[in-house]
PDB file of all heavy atoms in Angstrom:
ATOM      1  N   PHE A   1       0.872  -1.225  -0.088  1.00  0.00           N
ATOM      2  CA  PHE A   1       0.002   0.003   0.055  1.00  0.00           C
ATOM      3  C   PHE A   1       0.871   1.280  -0.004  1.00  0.00           C
ATOM      4  O   PHE A   1       1.456   1.554   1.015  1.00  0.00           O
ATOM      5  CB  PHE A   1      -0.878  -0.006   1.209  1.00  0.00           C
ATOM      6  CG  PHE A   1      -1.867   1.200   1.281  1.00  0.00           C
ATOM      7  CD1 PHE A   1      -2.784   1.500   0.318  1.00  0.00           C
ATOM      8  CD2 PHE A   1      -1.674   2.141   2.290  1.00  0.00           C
ATOM      9  CE1 PHE A   1      -3.618   2.557   0.386  1.00  0.00           C
ATOM     10  CE2 PHE A   1      -2.606   3.179   2.445  1.00  0.00           C
ATOM     11  CZ  PHE A   1      -3.547   3.433   1.464  1.00  0.00           C
ATOM     12  N   ARG A   2       1.162   1.824  -1.182  1.00  0.00           N
ATOM     13  CA  ARG A   2       2.038   2.916  -1.247  1.00  0.00           C
ATOM     14  C   ARG A   2       1.426   4.140  -0.761  1.00  0.00           C
ATOM     15  O   ARG A   2       0.642   4.827  -1.445  1.00  0.00           O
ATOM     16  CB  ARG A   2       2.369   3.089  -2.718  1.00  0.00           C
ATOM     17  CG  ARG A   2       3.058   1.872  -3.390  1.00  0.00           C
ATOM     18  CD  ARG A   2       4.570   1.702  -3.242  1.00  0.00           C
ATOM     19  NE  ARG A   2       5.123   2.874  -3.820  1.00  0.00           N
ATOM     20  CZ  ARG A   2       6.327   3.460  -3.454  1.00  0.00           C
ATOM     21  NH1 ARG A   2       6.980   2.820  -2.439  1.00  0.00           N
ATOM     22  NH2 ARG A   2       6.825   4.511  -3.910  1.00  0.00           N
ATOM     23  N   ALA A   3       1.728   4.544   0.493  1.00  0.00           N
ATOM     24  CA  ALA A   3       1.309   5.719   1.133  1.00  0.00           C
ATOM     25  C   ALA A   3       2.268   6.111   2.122  1.00  0.00           C
ATOM     26  O   ALA A   3       3.125   5.360   2.658  1.00  0.00           O
ATOM     27  CB  ALA A   3      -0.111   5.269   1.829  1.00  0.00           C
ATOM     28  N   ALA A   4       2.183   7.430   2.622  1.00  0.00           N
ATOM     29  CA  ALA A   4       2.973   7.987   3.571  1.00  0.00           C
ATOM     30  C   ALA A   4       2.063   8.942   4.459  1.00  0.00           C
ATOM     31  O   ALA A   4       1.362   9.704   3.968  1.00  0.00           O
ATOM     32  CB  ALA A   4       4.152   8.722   3.074  1.00  0.00           C
ATOM     33  N   VAL A   5       2.306   8.820   5.796  1.00  0.00           N
ATOM     34  CA  VAL A   5       1.618   9.526   6.708  1.00  0.00           C
ATOM     35  C   VAL A   5       2.526  10.536   7.414  1.00  0.00           C
ATOM     36  O   VAL A   5       3.682  10.108   7.803  1.00  0.00           O
ATOM     37  CB  VAL A   5       0.918   8.714   7.883  1.00  0.00           C
ATOM     38  CG1 VAL A   5       0.247   9.477   8.907  1.00  0.00           C
ATOM     39  CG2 VAL A   5      -0.056   7.690   7.234  1.00  0.00           C
ATOM     40  N   PHE A   6       2.136  11.812   7.460  1.00  0.00           N
ATOM     41  CA  PHE A   6       2.983  12.890   8.021  1.00  0.00           C
ATOM     42  C   PHE A   6       2.274  13.432   9.251  1.00  0.00           C
ATOM     43  O   PHE A   6       1.093  13.539   9.244  1.00  0.00           O
ATOM     44  CB  PHE A   6       3.192  13.981   7.048  1.00  0.00           C
ATOM     45  CG  PHE A   6       3.825  13.540   5.709  1.00  0.00           C
ATOM     46  CD1 PHE A   6       3.138  12.948   4.683  1.00  0.00           C
ATOM     47  CD2 PHE A   6       5.243  13.868   5.589  1.00  0.00           C
ATOM     48  CE1 PHE A   6       3.787  12.636   3.564  1.00  0.00           C
ATOM     49  CE2 PHE A   6       5.927  13.490   4.404  1.00  0.00           C
ATOM     50  CZ  PHE A   6       5.124  12.857   3.396  1.00  0.00           C
ATOM     51  N   ARG A   7       3.149  13.967  10.108  1.00  0.00           N
ATOM     52  CA  ARG A   7       2.614  14.674  11.269  1.00  0.00           C
ATOM     53  C   ARG A   7       3.493  15.775  11.739  1.00  0.00           C
ATOM     54  O   ARG A   7       4.638  15.619  11.838  1.00  0.00           O
ATOM     55  CB  ARG A   7       2.520  13.682  12.425  1.00  0.00           C
ATOM     56  CG  ARG A   7       1.970  14.296  13.809  1.00  0.00           C
ATOM     57  CD  ARG A   7       1.674  13.227  14.798  1.00  0.00           C
ATOM     58  NE  ARG A   7       0.936  13.871  15.847  1.00  0.00           N
ATOM     59  CZ  ARG A   7       1.573  13.903  17.138  1.00  0.00           C
ATOM     60  NH1 ARG A   7       2.643  13.348  17.394  1.00  0.00           N
ATOM     61  NH2 ARG A   7       0.862  14.465  18.061  1.00  0.00           N
ATOM     62  N   ALA A   8       2.893  17.000  11.878  1.00  0.00           N
ATOM     63  CA  ALA A   8       3.714  18.109  12.282  1.00  0.00           C
ATOM     64  C   ALA A   8       2.989  18.973  13.390  1.00  0.00           C
ATOM     65  O   ALA A   8       3.481  19.791  13.792  1.00  0.00           O
ATOM     66  CB  ALA A   8       3.895  19.048  11.002  1.00  0.00           C
ATOM     67  N   GLY A   9       1.778  18.578  13.664  1.00  0.00           N
ATOM     68  CA  GLY A   9       1.053  19.305  14.633  1.00  0.00           C
ATOM     69  C   GLY A   9       0.606  18.435  15.845  1.00  0.00           C
ATOM     70  O   GLY A   9       1.401  17.600  16.259  1.00  0.00           O
ATOM     71  N   ASN A  10      -0.474  18.679  16.346  1.00  0.00           N
ATOM     72  CA  ASN A  10      -0.941  18.031  17.602  1.00  0.00           C
ATOM     73  C   ASN A  10      -2.091  16.942  17.354  1.00  0.00           C
ATOM     74  O   ASN A  10      -2.958  16.737  18.214  1.00  0.00           O
ATOM     75  CB  ASN A  10      -1.492  19.036  18.613  1.00  0.00           C
ATOM     76  CG  ASN A  10      -0.421  20.010  19.012  1.00  0.00           C
ATOM     77  OD1 ASN A  10       0.795  19.646  19.243  1.00  0.00           O
ATOM     78  ND2 ASN A  10      -0.689  21.231  19.182  1.00  0.00           N
ATOM     79  N   THR A  11      -2.062  16.403  16.165  1.00  0.00           N
ATOM     80  CA  THR A  11      -3.172  15.421  15.935  1.00  0.00           C
ATOM     81  C   THR A  11      -2.453  14.067  15.465  1.00  0.00           C
ATOM     82  O   THR A  11      -1.234  14.027  15.249  1.00  0.00           O
ATOM     83  CB  THR A  11      -4.149  15.913  14.834  1.00  0.00           C
ATOM     84  OG1 THR A  11      -5.158  15.062  14.648  1.00  0.00           O
ATOM     85  CG2 THR A  11      -3.440  16.166  13.428  1.00  0.00           C
ATOM     86  N   HIS A  12      -3.252  13.009  15.181  1.00  0.00           N
ATOM     87  CA  HIS A  12      -2.784  11.780  14.892  1.00  0.00           C
ATOM     88  C   HIS A  12      -1.960  11.790  13.437  1.00  0.00           C
ATOM     89  O   HIS A  12      -0.961  11.190  13.327  1.00  0.00           O
ATOM     90  CB  HIS A  12      -3.882  10.693  14.814  1.00  0.00           C
ATOM     91  CG  HIS A  12      -5.142  11.296  14.219  1.00  0.00           C
ATOM     92  ND1 HIS A  12      -5.379  11.480  12.944  1.00  0.00           N
ATOM     93  CD2 HIS A  12      -6.210  11.713  14.832  1.00  0.00           C
ATOM     94  CE1 HIS A  12      -6.561  12.050  12.766  1.00  0.00           C
ATOM     95  NE2 HIS A  12      -7.120  12.154  14.022  1.00  0.00           N
ATOM     96  N   HIS A  13      -2.453  12.547  12.574  1.00  0.00           N
ATOM     97  CA  HIS A  13      -1.802  12.845  11.284  1.00  0.00           C
ATOM     98  C   HIS A  13      -2.307  14.136  10.736  1.00  0.00           C
ATOM     99  O   HIS A  13      -3.582  14.473  10.847  1.00  0.00           O
ATOM    100  CB  HIS A  13      -1.912  11.639  10.372  1.00  0.00           C
ATOM    101  CG  HIS A  13      -3.333  11.471   9.715  1.00  0.00           C
ATOM    102  ND1 HIS A  13      -4.379  10.939  10.457  1.00  0.00           N
ATOM    103  CD2 HIS A  13      -3.649  11.575   8.357  1.00  0.00           C
ATOM    104  CE1 HIS A  13      -5.392  10.843   9.588  1.00  0.00           C
ATOM    105  NE2 HIS A  13      -5.004  11.230   8.357  1.00  0.00           N
ATOM    106  N   ASP A  14      -1.421  14.901  10.022  1.00  0.00           N
ATOM    107  CA  ASP A  14      -1.819  16.151   9.373  1.00  0.00           C
ATOM    108  C   ASP A  14      -2.025  15.877   7.899  1.00  0.00           C
ATOM    109  O   ASP A  14      -2.791  16.580   7.338  1.00  0.00           O
ATOM    110  CB  ASP A  14      -0.792  17.170   9.584  1.00  0.00           C
ATOM    111  CG  ASP A  14      -0.526  17.549  10.999  1.00  0.00           C
ATOM    112  OD1 ASP A  14      -1.444  18.124  11.647  1.00  0.00           O
ATOM    113  OD2 ASP A  14       0.585  17.299  11.525  1.00  0.00           O
ATOM    114  N   PHE A  15      -1.426  14.910   7.426  1.00  0.00           N
ATOM    115  CA  PHE A  15      -1.240  14.814   5.875  1.00  0.00           C
ATOM    116  C   PHE A  15      -1.034  13.351   5.531  1.00  0.00           C
ATOM    117  O   PHE A  15      -0.276  12.625   6.183  1.00  0.00           O
ATOM    118  CB  PHE A  15      -0.093  15.647   5.581  1.00  0.00           C
ATOM    119  CG  PHE A  15       0.090  15.970   4.161  1.00  0.00           C
ATOM    120  CD1 PHE A  15      -0.941  16.436   3.383  1.00  0.00           C
ATOM    121  CD2 PHE A  15       1.380  15.823   3.429  1.00  0.00           C
ATOM    122  CE1 PHE A  15      -0.783  16.647   2.056  1.00  0.00           C
ATOM    123  CE2 PHE A  15       1.450  16.117   2.209  1.00  0.00           C
ATOM    124  CZ  PHE A  15       0.484  16.604   1.415  1.00  0.00           C
ATOM    125  N   LEU A  16      -1.585  12.933   4.452  1.00  0.00           N
ATOM    126  CA  LEU A  16      -1.470  11.517   4.002  1.00  0.00           C
ATOM    127  C   LEU A  16      -1.373  11.629   2.469  1.00  0.00           C
ATOM    128  O   LEU A  16      -2.161  12.428   1.811  1.00  0.00           O
ATOM    129  CB  LEU A  16      -2.689  10.746   4.449  1.00  0.00           C
ATOM    130  CG  LEU A  16      -2.884   9.336   3.772  1.00  0.00           C
ATOM    131  CD1 LEU A  16      -1.826   8.446   4.211  1.00  0.00           C
ATOM    132  CD2 LEU A  16      -4.186   8.782   4.269  1.00  0.00           C
ATOM    133  N   LEU A  17      -0.369  11.025   1.923  1.00  0.00           N
ATOM    134  CA  LEU A  17      -0.273  10.791   0.463  1.00  0.00           C
ATOM    135  C   LEU A  17      -0.480   9.300   0.145  1.00  0.00           C
ATOM    136  O   LEU A  17      -0.006   8.468   0.780  1.00  0.00           O
ATOM    137  CB  LEU A  17       1.237  11.098   0.072  1.00  0.00           C
ATOM    138  CG  LEU A  17       1.752  12.513   0.285  1.00  0.00           C
ATOM    139  CD1 LEU A  17       3.191  12.679  -0.027  1.00  0.00           C
ATOM    140  CD2 LEU A  17       0.963  13.547  -0.397  1.00  0.00           C
ATOM    141  N   ILE A  18      -1.364   9.055  -0.888  1.00  0.00           N
ATOM    142  CA  ILE A  18      -1.571   7.786  -1.318  1.00  0.00           C
ATOM    143  C   ILE A  18      -1.288   7.769  -2.860  1.00  0.00           C
ATOM    144  O   ILE A  18      -1.845   8.399  -3.574  1.00  0.00           O
ATOM    145  CB  ILE A  18      -3.100   7.343  -1.099  1.00  0.00           C
ATOM    146  CG1 ILE A  18      -3.544   7.552   0.285  1.00  0.00           C
ATOM    147  CG2 ILE A  18      -3.397   5.977  -1.726  1.00  0.00           C
ATOM    148  CD1 ILE A  18      -4.934   7.297   0.627  1.00  0.00           C
ATOM    149  N   GLU A  19      -0.386   6.718  -3.187  1.00  0.00           N
ATOM    150  CA  GLU A  19       0.013   6.616  -4.606  1.00  0.00           C
ATOM    151  C   GLU A  19      -1.121   5.959  -5.273  1.00  0.00           C
ATOM    152  O   GLU A  19      -1.549   4.961  -4.946  1.00  0.00           O
ATOM    153  CB  GLU A  19       1.274   5.736  -4.724  1.00  0.00           C
ATOM    154  CG  GLU A  19       1.824   5.715  -6.095  1.00  0.00           C
ATOM    155  CD  GLU A  19       3.106   5.038  -6.218  1.00  0.00           C
ATOM    156  OE1 GLU A  19       3.131   3.731  -6.100  1.00  0.00           O
ATOM    157  OE2 GLU A  19       4.161   5.697  -6.226  1.00  0.00           O
ATOM    158  N   VAL A  20      -1.516   6.516  -6.541  1.00  0.00           N
ATOM    159  CA  VAL A  20      -2.510   5.948  -7.472  1.00  0.00           C
ATOM    160  C   VAL A  20      -1.924   5.507  -8.742  1.00  0.00           C
ATOM    161  O   VAL A  20      -2.625   4.957  -9.628  1.00  0.00           O
ATOM    162  CB  VAL A  20      -3.697   6.927  -7.592  1.00  0.00           C
ATOM    163  CG1 VAL A  20      -4.434   7.077  -6.319  1.00  0.00           C
ATOM    164  CG2 VAL A  20      -3.287   8.209  -8.109  1.00  0.00           C
ATOM    165  N   GLY A  21      -0.598   5.870  -8.944  1.00  0.00           N
ATOM    166  CA  GLY A  21       0.083   5.521 -10.168  1.00  0.00           C
ATOM    167  C   GLY A  21      -0.018   6.581 -11.274  1.00  0.00           C
ATOM    168  O   GLY A  21      -0.712   7.498 -11.121  1.00  0.00           O
ATOM    169  N   LYS A  22       0.846   6.371 -12.223  1.00  0.00           N
ATOM    170  CA  LYS A  22       1.089   7.391 -13.400  1.00  0.00           C
ATOM    171  C   LYS A  22      -0.107   7.470 -14.286  1.00  0.00           C
ATOM    172  O   LYS A  22      -0.192   8.387 -15.162  1.00  0.00           O
ATOM    173  CB  LYS A  22       2.361   7.124 -14.077  1.00  0.00           C
ATOM    174  CG  LYS A  22       3.630   7.302 -13.066  1.00  0.00           C
ATOM    175  CD  LYS A  22       4.891   7.152 -13.883  1.00  0.00           C
ATOM    176  CE  LYS A  22       6.080   7.177 -12.991  1.00  0.00           C
ATOM    177  NZ  LYS A  22       6.173   8.217 -12.119  1.00  0.00           N
ATOM    178  N   ASN A  23      -0.944   6.471 -14.363  1.00  0.00           N
ATOM    179  CA  ASN A  23      -2.090   6.455 -15.280  1.00  0.00           C
ATOM    180  C   ASN A  23      -3.295   7.182 -14.800  1.00  0.00           C
ATOM    181  O   ASN A  23      -4.364   7.167 -15.453  1.00  0.00           O
ATOM    182  CB  ASN A  23      -2.464   4.963 -15.710  1.00  0.00           C
ATOM    183  CG  ASN A  23      -1.331   4.409 -16.545  1.00  0.00           C
ATOM    184  OD1 ASN A  23      -0.556   5.007 -17.257  1.00  0.00           O
ATOM    185  ND2 ASN A  23      -1.068   3.088 -16.344  1.00  0.00           N
ATOM    186  N   ALA A  24      -3.328   7.704 -13.513  1.00  0.00           N
ATOM    187  CA  ALA A  24      -4.459   8.356 -12.972  1.00  0.00           C
ATOM    188  C   ALA A  24      -4.751   9.703 -13.765  1.00  0.00           C
ATOM    189  O   ALA A  24      -3.754  10.246 -14.297  1.00  0.00           O
ATOM    190  CB  ALA A  24      -4.194   8.620 -11.512  1.00  0.00           C
ATOM    191  N   GLN A  25      -5.883  10.210 -13.711  1.00  0.00           N
ATOM    192  CA  GLN A  25      -6.235  11.423 -14.337  1.00  0.00           C
ATOM    193  C   GLN A  25      -5.402  12.640 -13.723  1.00  0.00           C
ATOM    194  O   GLN A  25      -5.444  12.717 -12.485  1.00  0.00           O
ATOM    195  CB  GLN A  25      -7.707  11.763 -14.167  1.00  0.00           C
ATOM    196  CG  GLN A  25      -8.520  10.808 -15.095  1.00  0.00           C
ATOM    197  CD  GLN A  25      -8.371  11.127 -16.555  1.00  0.00           C
ATOM    198  OE1 GLN A  25      -8.226  12.175 -16.965  1.00  0.00           O
ATOM    199  NE2 GLN A  25      -8.261  10.031 -17.263  1.00  0.00           N
ATOM    200  N   PRO A  26      -4.664  13.511 -14.484  1.00  0.00           N
ATOM    201  CA  PRO A  26      -3.992  14.551 -13.880  1.00  0.00           C
ATOM    202  C   PRO A  26      -4.974  15.666 -13.363  1.00  0.00           C
ATOM    203  O   PRO A  26      -6.113  15.766 -13.826  1.00  0.00           O
ATOM    204  CB  PRO A  26      -3.071  14.944 -15.070  1.00  0.00           C
ATOM    205  CG  PRO A  26      -3.880  14.632 -16.237  1.00  0.00           C
ATOM    206  CD  PRO A  26      -4.568  13.346 -15.951  1.00  0.00           C
ATOM    207  N   ILE A  27      -4.363  16.522 -12.589  1.00  0.00           N
ATOM    208  CA  ILE A  27      -5.175  17.781 -12.257  1.00  0.00           C
ATOM    209  C   ILE A  27      -5.337  18.636 -13.491  1.00  0.00           C
ATOM    210  O   ILE A  27      -4.419  18.898 -14.208  1.00  0.00           O
ATOM    211  CB  ILE A  27      -4.443  18.534 -11.095  1.00  0.00           C
ATOM    212  CG1 ILE A  27      -4.228  17.658  -9.921  1.00  0.00           C
ATOM    213  CG2 ILE A  27      -5.094  19.789 -10.803  1.00  0.00           C
ATOM    214  CD1 ILE A  27      -3.303  18.277  -8.924  1.00  0.00           C
ATOM    215  N   PRO A  28      -6.631  19.071 -13.760  1.00  0.00           N
ATOM    216  CA  PRO A  28      -6.784  19.954 -14.922  1.00  0.00           C
ATOM    217  C   PRO A  28      -6.046  21.289 -14.770  1.00  0.00           C
ATOM    218  O   PRO A  28      -5.931  21.773 -13.671  1.00  0.00           O
ATOM    219  CB  PRO A  28      -8.256  20.097 -14.927  1.00  0.00           C
ATOM    220  CG  PRO A  28      -8.931  19.247 -14.031  1.00  0.00           C
ATOM    221  CD  PRO A  28      -7.805  18.736 -12.975  1.00  0.00           C
ATOM    222  N   LYS A  29      -5.598  21.747 -15.902  1.00  0.00           N
ATOM    223  CA  LYS A  29      -4.861  23.088 -15.907  1.00  0.00           C
ATOM    224  C   LYS A  29      -6.002  24.243 -15.805  1.00  0.00           C
ATOM    225  O   LYS A  29      -7.220  24.051 -16.359  1.00  0.00           O
ATOM    226  CB  LYS A  29      -4.123  23.248 -17.137  1.00  0.00           C
ATOM    227  CG  LYS A  29      -2.956  22.314 -17.327  1.00  0.00           C
ATOM    228  CD  LYS A  29      -1.939  22.493 -16.325  1.00  0.00           C
ATOM    229  CE  LYS A  29      -0.778  21.544 -16.474  1.00  0.00           C
ATOM    230  NZ  LYS A  29      -0.081  21.321 -15.316  1.00  0.00           N
ATOM    231  N   GLY A  30      -5.675  25.405 -15.278  1.00  0.00           N
ATOM    232  CA  GLY A  30      -6.539  26.526 -15.165  1.00  0.00           C
ATOM    233  C   GLY A  30      -7.684  26.275 -14.251  1.00  0.00           C
ATOM    234  O   GLY A  30      -7.724  25.335 -13.471  1.00  0.00           O
ATOM    235  N   PRO A  31      -8.633  27.230 -14.149  1.00  0.00           N
ATOM    236  CA  PRO A  31      -9.741  27.197 -13.199  1.00  0.00           C
ATOM    237  C   PRO A  31     -10.612  25.985 -13.390  1.00  0.00           C
ATOM    238  O   PRO A  31     -10.843  25.600 -14.599  1.00  0.00           O
ATOM    239  CB  PRO A  31     -10.538  28.500 -13.476  1.00  0.00           C
ATOM    240  CG  PRO A  31      -9.602  29.314 -14.176  1.00  0.00           C
ATOM    241  CD  PRO A  31      -8.711  28.495 -14.977  1.00  0.00           C
ATOM    242  N   HIS A  32     -10.897  25.281 -12.299  1.00  0.00           N
ATOM    243  CA  HIS A  32     -11.787  24.062 -12.371  1.00  0.00           C
ATOM    244  C   HIS A  32     -12.381  23.867 -11.035  1.00  0.00           C
ATOM    245  O   HIS A  32     -11.839  24.474 -10.093  1.00  0.00           O
ATOM    246  CB  HIS A  32     -10.894  22.909 -12.815  1.00  0.00           C
ATOM    247  CG  HIS A  32      -9.813  22.466 -11.793  1.00  0.00           C
ATOM    248  ND1 HIS A  32      -8.567  23.234 -11.929  1.00  0.00           N
ATOM    249  CD2 HIS A  32      -9.676  21.739 -10.744  1.00  0.00           C
ATOM    250  CE1 HIS A  32      -7.835  22.780 -10.894  1.00  0.00           C
ATOM    251  NE2 HIS A  32      -8.430  21.820 -10.221  1.00  0.00           N
ATOM    252  N   VAL A  33     -13.348  23.107 -10.902  1.00  0.00           N
ATOM    253  CA  VAL A  33     -14.041  22.828  -9.697  1.00  0.00           C
ATOM    254  C   VAL A  33     -12.966  21.786  -8.845  1.00  0.00           C
ATOM    255  O   VAL A  33     -12.471  20.969  -9.520  1.00  0.00           O
ATOM    256  CB  VAL A  33     -15.397  22.137  -9.832  1.00  0.00           C
ATOM    257  CG1 VAL A  33     -15.889  21.563  -8.480  1.00  0.00           C
ATOM    258  CG2 VAL A  33     -16.295  23.161 -10.460  1.00  0.00           C
ATOM    259  N   GLY A  34     -12.802  22.186  -7.616  1.00  0.00           N
ATOM    260  CA  GLY A  34     -11.928  21.340  -6.879  1.00  0.00           C
ATOM    261  C   GLY A  34     -11.013  22.237  -5.958  1.00  0.00           C
ATOM    262  O   GLY A  34     -11.233  23.469  -5.957  1.00  0.00           O
TER     263      GLY A  34
END
């Protein structure tokens, strides 16, 4: 399970990255919903 959990504050985790692979849809350029 390609993931990494980060903590910099006072909670169980602040940030989580989950790898979905290079074939996933990229973030659209320019203004978009999200």
